[in-house]
């Protein structure tokens, strides 16, 4: 099942909920998940920005060299 289908299923089931404490618990879980997702997204963006800055300063390893190192490490 795709993420879109999963979300549609959750929404369909949520529409049947009338227990205020369950609704609050779900809201709390969503708030937690969304704040974690935001933190993860920010960390990813910062990592990408750092990589781009390092690349612009020439602080990178050529692909060929990296592949040789990986192959020698994992295929001795």
Protein backbone atom coordinates (compact mmCIF):
# COMPACT_ATOMS: atom_id res chain seq x y z
CA UNK A 1 0.00 0.00 0.00
CA UNK A 2 1.41 3.41 -0.94
CA UNK A 3 1.83 6.26 1.53
CA UNK A 4 -1.10 8.09 -0.08
CA UNK A 5 -3.32 5.04 0.38
CA UNK A 6 -2.11 4.59 3.96
CA UNK A 7 -2.92 8.21 4.79
CA UNK A 8 -6.37 7.92 3.19
CA UNK A 9 -7.06 4.81 5.27
CA UNK A 10 -5.97 6.55 8.47
CA UNK A 11 -8.19 9.55 7.70
CA UNK A 12 -11.14 7.31 6.94
CA UNK A 13 -10.73 5.50 10.25
CA UNK A 14 -10.10 8.74 12.17
CA UNK A 15 -13.44 10.13 10.99
CA UNK A 16 -15.12 7.36 13.01
CA UNK A 17 -13.44 8.39 16.29
CA UNK A 18 -15.55 10.28 18.84
CA UNK A 19 -13.49 9.72 22.00
CA UNK A 20 -11.92 13.07 22.99
CA UNK A 21 -9.03 11.41 24.82
CA UNK A 22 -8.19 9.28 21.78
CA UNK A 23 -8.38 12.34 19.52
CA UNK A 24 -6.03 14.22 21.88
CA UNK A 25 -3.62 11.27 21.98
CA UNK A 26 -3.56 11.13 18.18
CA UNK A 27 -2.97 14.90 17.99
CA UNK A 28 -0.09 14.57 20.45
CA UNK A 29 1.42 11.74 18.42
CA UNK A 30 1.11 13.78 15.22
CA UNK A 31 2.68 16.82 16.88
CA UNK A 32 5.61 14.69 18.06
CA UNK A 33 6.06 13.07 14.65
CA UNK A 34 5.88 16.35 12.78
CA UNK A 35 8.40 18.04 15.09
CA UNK A 36 10.78 15.08 14.63
CA UNK A 37 10.28 15.21 10.86
CA UNK A 38 11.04 18.93 10.87
CA UNK A 39 14.22 18.31 12.86
CA UNK A 40 15.24 15.52 10.47
CA UNK A 41 14.51 17.74 7.45
CA UNK A 42 16.55 20.58 8.94
CA UNK A 43 19.46 18.24 9.68
CA UNK A 44 19.38 16.89 6.13
CA UNK A 45 19.32 20.41 4.68
CA UNK A 46 22.24 21.46 6.89
CA UNK A 47 24.20 18.39 5.81
CA UNK A 48 23.55 19.11 2.14
CA UNK A 49 24.58 22.75 2.62
CA UNK A 50 27.80 21.66 4.33
CA UNK A 51 28.56 19.26 1.48
CA UNK A 52 27.98 21.95 -1.13
CA UNK A 53 30.28 24.37 0.72
CA UNK A 54 32.99 21.70 0.99
CA UNK A 55 32.60 20.92 -2.70
CA UNK A 56 32.89 24.59 -3.69
CA UNK A 57 36.15 24.77 -1.68
CA UNK A 58 37.47 21.70 -3.50
CA UNK A 59 37.33 19.53 -0.38
CA UNK A 60 36.03 16.46 -2.18
CA UNK A 61 37.35 13.08 -3.22
CA UNK A 62 36.99 12.06 -6.87
CA UNK A 63 34.45 9.32 -7.54
CA UNK A 64 37.05 6.96 -8.98
CA UNK A 65 39.22 7.21 -5.87
CA UNK A 66 36.24 6.68 -3.56
CA UNK A 67 35.17 3.59 -5.51
CA UNK A 68 38.71 2.14 -5.32
CA UNK A 69 38.75 2.66 -1.56
CA UNK A 70 35.34 1.04 -1.12
CA UNK A 71 36.23 -1.93 -3.32
CA UNK A 72 39.54 -2.49 -1.52
CA UNK A 73 37.83 -2.29 1.86
CA UNK A 74 34.90 -4.59 1.10
CA UNK A 75 36.43 -6.85 -1.58
CA UNK A 76 39.91 -7.65 -0.23
